[in-house]
Amino acid sequence: MTGGQGDPRVQELRGAVARMRRQLAVLPGELPDRTAADDELAALDAMVSHGLPEVPRLRRSLLLIAGAVGSVSALSPALAEVREGIDRFGGLPRSW
């Protein structure tokens, strides 16, 4: 990893992660994997806070977060924003 604090992608992803964490915190009702989602969001924030992260690790975090929140429609926009932030670091690899 190299330093990425000046990289606008880092700031955008950190903002998306922060918004998702806030929405997850105020979500009413029981979410069995709430702790797992919050832990992975914290790890994702730490990853981008300490330099340019590795795209495969970002994608793994996204999968873990998506799996933890399931199909909670209230979190769909925030999750999409996190995904878009991750996509800015590199698109999915093409298979030829």
Protein backbone atom coordinates (compact mmCIF):
# COMPACT_ATOMS: atom_id res chain seq x y z
CA MET A 1 0.00 0.00 0.00
CA THR A 2 1.05 3.55 -0.61
CA GLY A 3 -0.26 6.77 0.90
CA GLY A 4 -3.64 7.77 -0.41
CA GLN A 5 -4.92 10.52 1.90
CA GLY A 6 -4.93 13.04 -0.96
CA ASP A 7 -6.73 10.63 -3.24
CA PRO A 8 -10.38 11.71 -3.66
CA ARG A 9 -11.42 8.06 -3.96
CA VAL A 10 -10.23 7.48 -0.41
CA GLN A 11 -12.27 10.39 0.94
CA GLU A 12 -15.36 9.32 -1.02
CA LEU A 13 -15.16 5.75 0.22
CA ARG A 14 -14.55 6.87 3.82
CA GLY A 15 -17.63 9.09 3.58
CA ALA A 16 -19.75 6.25 2.19
CA VAL A 17 -18.54 3.92 4.93
CA ALA A 18 -19.31 6.51 7.62
CA ARG A 19 -22.82 7.02 6.26
CA MET A 20 -23.44 3.27 6.15
CA ARG A 21 -22.20 2.89 9.73
CA ARG A 22 -24.58 5.64 10.90
CA GLN A 23 -27.53 4.07 9.10
CA LEU A 24 -26.70 0.66 10.48
CA ALA A 25 -26.47 2.10 14.00
CA VAL A 26 -29.97 3.60 13.88
CA LEU A 27 -31.61 0.66 12.12
CA PRO A 28 -34.51 -0.45 14.31
CA GLY A 29 -35.15 -4.07 14.98
CA GLU A 30 -33.02 -7.15 15.14
CA LEU A 31 -30.28 -7.74 12.60
CA PRO A 32 -28.48 -10.97 13.47
CA ASP A 33 -25.22 -9.99 11.77
CA ARG A 34 -25.21 -6.30 12.75
CA THR A 35 -21.94 -6.72 14.67
CA ALA A 36 -20.27 -8.48 11.74
CA ALA A 37 -21.33 -5.70 9.36
CA ASP A 38 -20.13 -2.98 11.74
CA ASP A 39 -16.82 -4.75 12.33
CA GLU A 40 -16.18 -5.08 8.60
CA LEU A 41 -17.14 -1.46 7.98
CA ALA A 42 -14.63 -0.45 10.66
CA ALA A 43 -11.98 -2.63 9.01
CA LEU A 44 -12.78 -1.09 5.61
CA ASP A 45 -12.43 2.40 7.05
CA ALA A 46 -9.11 1.48 8.66
CA MET A 47 -7.89 -0.01 5.39
CA VAL A 48 -8.51 3.16 3.40
CA SER A 49 -7.30 5.40 6.23
CA HIS A 50 -3.83 3.89 6.05
CA GLY A 51 -3.15 4.21 2.34
CA LEU A 52 -4.40 2.92 -0.96
CA PRO A 53 -6.03 -0.43 -0.27
CA GLU A 54 -5.83 -3.58 -2.34
CA VAL A 55 -8.87 -3.94 -4.59
CA PRO A 56 -9.39 -7.67 -3.88
CA ARG A 57 -9.49 -6.93 -0.15
CA LEU A 58 -12.00 -4.12 -0.73
CA ARG A 59 -14.22 -6.47 -2.69
CA ARG A 60 -13.99 -9.12 0.01
CA SER A 61 -15.11 -6.54 2.57
CA LEU A 62 -18.02 -5.56 0.37
CA LEU A 63 -19.15 -9.18 0.10
CA LEU A 64 -18.94 -9.63 3.87
CA ILE A 65 -20.92 -6.45 4.51
CA ALA A 66 -23.56 -7.33 1.93
CA GLY A 67 -23.90 -10.81 3.40
CA ALA A 68 -24.23 -9.41 6.91
CA VAL A 69 -26.96 -6.90 6.09
CA GLY A 70 -28.80 -9.28 3.80
CA SER A 71 -31.72 -7.76 2.00
CA VAL A 72 -32.49 -4.94 4.44
CA SER A 73 -34.01 -2.47 2.02
CA ALA A 74 -33.34 0.49 4.31
CA LEU A 75 -29.60 -0.11 3.89
CA SER A 76 -29.65 -0.67 0.12
CA PRO A 77 -28.79 2.92 -0.88
CA ALA A 78 -25.91 3.11 1.62
CA LEU A 79 -24.58 -0.28 0.53
CA ALA A 80 -24.76 0.81 -3.11
CA GLU A 81 -22.77 3.94 -2.22
CA VAL A 82 -20.07 1.82 -0.54
CA ARG A 83 -19.98 -0.43 -3.61
CA GLU A 84 -19.61 2.56 -5.93
CA GLY A 85 -16.79 3.87 -3.75
CA ILE A 86 -15.00 0.53 -4.01
CA ASP A 87 -15.58 0.40 -7.77
CA ARG A 88 -13.66 3.68 -8.13
CA PHE A 89 -10.49 1.82 -7.11
CA GLY A 90 -10.80 -0.53 -10.06
CA GLY A 91 -13.50 -2.25 -11.97
CA LEU A 92 -14.15 -5.93 -11.96
CA PRO A 93 -11.56 -7.87 -13.90
CA ARG A 94 -12.62 -8.87 -17.37
CA SER A 95 -12.69 -12.51 -18.32
CA TRP A 96 -11.91 -13.15 -21.94
